[in-house]
Amino acid sequence: QVQLVESGGGLVQPVGSLRLSCAASGSIFSIHAMAWYRQAPGKQRELVAAITSGGTTNYVDSVKGRFTISRDNAKNTVSLHMNSLKPEDTAVYYCNARIQRMAFTRDYWGQGTQVTVSS
């Protein structure tokens, strides 16, 4: 079994900051790319930020310069530091990881954590 467990969501005022964390556990051989997605009410899930096992990152244009994704390969964790938050960042944020197990590789998802940006 493999699990992704997220933490760190909540309510924050505009221009505030939050840090999301996600830890992968279970029978893991290696983890390839890790990413954060988000889904706002009535909208499709979108990729927010991704990071390869080597540390290469990419971001959706709307968060560039405000969000930073990082990972700790030794601890199988990925984090998303979110600064200068805007109301339009309000969404459920999901952790995603492409995990290699002994027999196969597939994507795993966390349960989601709510981020609400409001005054």
C-alpha atoms as a PDB file:
ATOM      1  CA  GLN A   1       0.000   0.000   0.000  1.00  0.00           C
ATOM      2  CA  VAL A   2       1.074   3.574  -0.731  1.00  0.00           C
ATOM      3  CA  GLN A   3      -0.395   6.653   0.880  1.00  0.00           C
ATOM      4  CA  LEU A   4       0.039  10.377   0.318  1.00  0.00           C
ATOM      5  CA  VAL A   5      -0.938  12.456   3.329  1.00  0.00           C
ATOM      6  CA  GLU A   6      -1.252  16.226   3.013  1.00  0.00           C
ATOM      7  CA  SER A   7      -1.237  18.893   5.697  1.00  0.00           C
ATOM      8  CA  GLY A   8      -1.110  22.647   6.031  1.00  0.00           C
ATOM      9  CA  GLY A   9      -4.242  24.014   4.422  1.00  0.00           C
ATOM     10  CA  GLY A  10      -6.511  26.557   6.048  1.00  0.00           C
ATOM     11  CA  LEU A  11      -7.919  30.047   5.939  1.00  0.00           C
ATOM     12  CA  VAL A  12      -5.585  32.936   5.190  1.00  0.00           C
ATOM     13  CA  GLN A  13      -6.057  36.591   4.360  1.00  0.00           C
ATOM     14  CA  PRO A  14      -5.069  37.988   0.960  1.00  0.00           C
ATOM     15  CA  VAL A  15      -1.305  38.573   0.593  1.00  0.00           C
ATOM     16  CA  GLY A  16      -0.749  36.045   3.372  1.00  0.00           C
ATOM     17  CA  SER A  17       1.281  32.839   3.196  1.00  0.00           C
ATOM     18  CA  LEU A  18       0.719  29.135   3.695  1.00  0.00           C
ATOM     19  CA  ARG A  19       2.863  26.041   3.453  1.00  0.00           C
ATOM     20  CA  LEU A  20       1.448  22.744   2.265  1.00  0.00           C
ATOM     21  CA  SER A  21       3.233  19.474   2.918  1.00  0.00           C
ATOM     22  CA  CYS A  22       2.739  15.967   1.592  1.00  0.00           C
ATOM     23  CA  ALA A  23       4.376  12.766   2.790  1.00  0.00           C
ATOM     24  CA  ALA A  24       4.434   9.509   0.850  1.00  0.00           C
ATOM     25  CA  SER A  25       4.607   6.256   2.766  1.00  0.00           C
ATOM     26  CA  GLY A  26       4.303   2.545   2.123  1.00  0.00           C
ATOM     27  CA  SER A  27       5.970   0.106  -0.193  1.00  0.00           C
ATOM     28  CA  ILE A  28       7.935   2.538  -2.366  1.00  0.00           C
ATOM     29  CA  PHE A  29      10.874   1.682  -4.594  1.00  0.00           C
ATOM     30  CA  SER A  30      11.374   5.224  -5.888  1.00  0.00           C
ATOM     31  CA  ILE A  31       9.448   8.425  -6.546  1.00  0.00           C
ATOM     32  CA  HIS A  32       9.676  10.167  -9.879  1.00  0.00           C
ATOM     33  CA  ALA A  33       7.883  13.505 -10.362  1.00  0.00           C
ATOM     34  CA  MET A  34       5.869  15.031  -7.539  1.00  0.00           C
ATOM     35  CA  ALA A  35       3.330  17.780  -7.993  1.00  0.00           C
ATOM     36  CA  TRP A  36       0.563  19.883  -6.548  1.00  0.00           C
ATOM     37  CA  TYR A  37      -2.763  20.279  -8.302  1.00  0.00           C
ATOM     38  CA  ARG A  38      -5.768  22.341  -7.286  1.00  0.00           C
ATOM     39  CA  GLN A  39      -9.448  22.345  -8.021  1.00  0.00           C
ATOM     40  CA  ALA A  40     -11.709  25.311  -7.386  1.00  0.00           C
ATOM     41  CA  PRO A  41     -15.498  24.952  -7.242  1.00  0.00           C
ATOM     42  CA  GLY A  42     -16.939  24.546 -10.706  1.00  0.00           C
ATOM     43  CA  LYS A  43     -13.514  24.328 -12.341  1.00  0.00           C
ATOM     44  CA  GLN A  44     -11.310  21.550 -13.628  1.00  0.00           C
ATOM     45  CA  ARG A  45      -8.350  20.326 -11.645  1.00  0.00           C
ATOM     46  CA  GLU A  46      -5.197  22.123 -12.760  1.00  0.00           C
ATOM     47  CA  LEU A  47      -1.510  21.542 -12.302  1.00  0.00           C
ATOM     48  CA  VAL A  48      -0.039  24.196 -10.003  1.00  0.00           C
ATOM     49  CA  ALA A  49       3.586  23.113  -9.687  1.00  0.00           C
ATOM     50  CA  ALA A  50       5.719  20.051 -10.327  1.00  0.00           C
ATOM     51  CA  ILE A  51       9.219  18.906  -9.449  1.00  0.00           C
ATOM     52  CA  THR A  52      11.298  16.066 -10.855  1.00  0.00           C
ATOM     53  CA  SER A  53      13.433  13.758  -8.774  1.00  0.00           C
ATOM     54  CA  GLY A  54      16.411  15.844  -9.886  1.00  0.00           C
ATOM     55  CA  GLY A  55      14.843  19.082  -8.698  1.00  0.00           C
ATOM     56  CA  THR A  56      13.663  20.628 -11.953  1.00  0.00           C
ATOM     57  CA  THR A  57      10.514  22.643 -11.347  1.00  0.00           C
ATOM     58  CA  ASN A  58       7.697  24.114 -13.387  1.00  0.00           C
ATOM     59  CA  TYR A  59       4.734  26.276 -12.437  1.00  0.00           C
ATOM     60  CA  VAL A  60       1.465  27.407 -13.878  1.00  0.00           C
ATOM     61  CA  ASP A  61       1.830  31.032 -14.975  1.00  0.00           C
ATOM     62  CA  SER A  62      -0.642  32.329 -12.391  1.00  0.00           C
ATOM     63  CA  VAL A  63       1.592  31.301  -9.454  1.00  0.00           C
ATOM     64  CA  LYS A  64       5.056  32.013 -10.842  1.00  0.00           C
ATOM     65  CA  GLY A  65       7.023  34.201  -8.464  1.00  0.00           C
ATOM     66  CA  ARG A  66       4.620  33.518  -5.593  1.00  0.00           C
ATOM     67  CA  PHE A  67       4.723  29.732  -5.047  1.00  0.00           C
ATOM     68  CA  THR A  68       7.741  27.503  -4.537  1.00  0.00           C
ATOM     69  CA  ILE A  69       7.704  23.723  -4.743  1.00  0.00           C
ATOM     70  CA  SER A  70      10.402  21.674  -3.043  1.00  0.00           C
ATOM     71  CA  ARG A  71      10.997  18.067  -2.110  1.00  0.00           C
ATOM     72  CA  ASP A  72      13.057  15.974   0.271  1.00  0.00           C
ATOM     73  CA  ASN A  73      13.929  12.737  -1.484  1.00  0.00           C
ATOM     74  CA  ALA A  74      15.235  11.134   1.688  1.00  0.00           C
ATOM     75  CA  LYS A  75      11.926  11.697   3.471  1.00  0.00           C
ATOM     76  CA  ASN A  76       9.628  11.191   0.452  1.00  0.00           C
ATOM     77  CA  THR A  77       8.017  14.564   1.016  1.00  0.00           C
ATOM     78  CA  VAL A  78       7.008  17.485  -1.167  1.00  0.00           C
ATOM     79  CA  SER A  79       6.064  20.979  -0.026  1.00  0.00           C
ATOM     80  CA  LEU A  80       4.427  24.004  -1.567  1.00  0.00           C
ATOM     81  CA  HIS A  81       5.269  27.396  -0.132  1.00  0.00           C
ATOM     82  CA  MET A  82       2.599  29.873  -1.128  1.00  0.00           C
ATOM     83  CA  ASN A  83       3.179  33.600  -0.738  1.00  0.00           C
ATOM     84  CA  SER A  84       1.176  36.671  -1.719  1.00  0.00           C
ATOM     85  CA  LEU A  85      -1.961  34.597  -1.780  1.00  0.00           C
ATOM     86  CA  LYS A  86      -4.957  35.852  -3.714  1.00  0.00           C
ATOM     87  CA  PRO A  87      -8.657  34.990  -3.426  1.00  0.00           C
ATOM     88  CA  GLU A  88      -8.384  33.196  -6.765  1.00  0.00           C
ATOM     89  CA  ASP A  89      -5.948  30.746  -5.173  1.00  0.00           C
ATOM     90  CA  THR A  90      -8.848  29.370  -3.144  1.00  0.00           C
ATOM     91  CA  ALA A  91      -9.222  25.683  -3.978  1.00  0.00           C
ATOM     92  CA  VAL A  92      -8.716  22.168  -2.755  1.00  0.00           C
ATOM     93  CA  TYR A  93      -5.036  21.351  -3.239  1.00  0.00           C
ATOM     94  CA  TYR A  94      -3.995  17.788  -4.065  1.00  0.00           C
ATOM     95  CA  CYS A  95      -0.596  16.197  -3.820  1.00  0.00           C
ATOM     96  CA  ASN A  96       0.393  13.889  -6.677  1.00  0.00           C
ATOM     97  CA  ALA A  97       3.361  11.557  -7.030  1.00  0.00           C
ATOM     98  CA  ARG A  98       4.470   9.100  -9.680  1.00  0.00           C
ATOM     99  CA  ILE A  99       5.673   6.213  -7.597  1.00  0.00           C
ATOM    100  CA  GLN A 100       7.575   3.160  -8.693  1.00  0.00           C
ATOM    101  CA  ARG A 101       6.840   0.017  -6.797  1.00  0.00           C
ATOM    102  CA  MET A 102       8.520  -3.308  -7.452  1.00  0.00           C
ATOM    103  CA  ALA A 103       6.150  -4.430 -10.191  1.00  0.00           C
ATOM    104  CA  PHE A 104       4.744  -1.207 -11.639  1.00  0.00           C
ATOM    105  CA  THR A 105       4.714   2.596 -11.682  1.00  0.00           C
ATOM    106  CA  ARG A 106       1.602   4.688 -11.301  1.00  0.00           C
ATOM    107  CA  ASP A 107       0.285   8.007 -10.062  1.00  0.00           C
ATOM    108  CA  TYR A 108      -0.956   8.377  -6.513  1.00  0.00           C
ATOM    109  CA  TRP A 109      -3.051  11.180  -5.047  1.00  0.00           C
ATOM    110  CA  GLY A 110      -3.532  12.657  -1.614  1.00  0.00           C
ATOM    111  CA  GLN A 111      -6.935  13.272  -0.114  1.00  0.00           C
ATOM    112  CA  GLY A 112      -6.828  17.020  -0.698  1.00  0.00           C
ATOM    113  CA  THR A 113      -6.499  19.986   1.637  1.00  0.00           C
ATOM    114  CA  GLN A 114      -8.636  23.118   1.503  1.00  0.00           C
ATOM    115  CA  VAL A 115      -6.980  26.493   1.021  1.00  0.00           C
ATOM    116  CA  THR A 116      -9.251  29.508   1.430  1.00  0.00           C
ATOM    117  CA  VAL A 117      -7.981  33.031   0.805  1.00  0.00           C
ATOM    118  CA  SER A 118     -10.423  35.569   2.143  1.00  0.00           C
ATOM    119  CA  SER A 119     -10.565  38.679   4.277  1.00  0.00           C
END
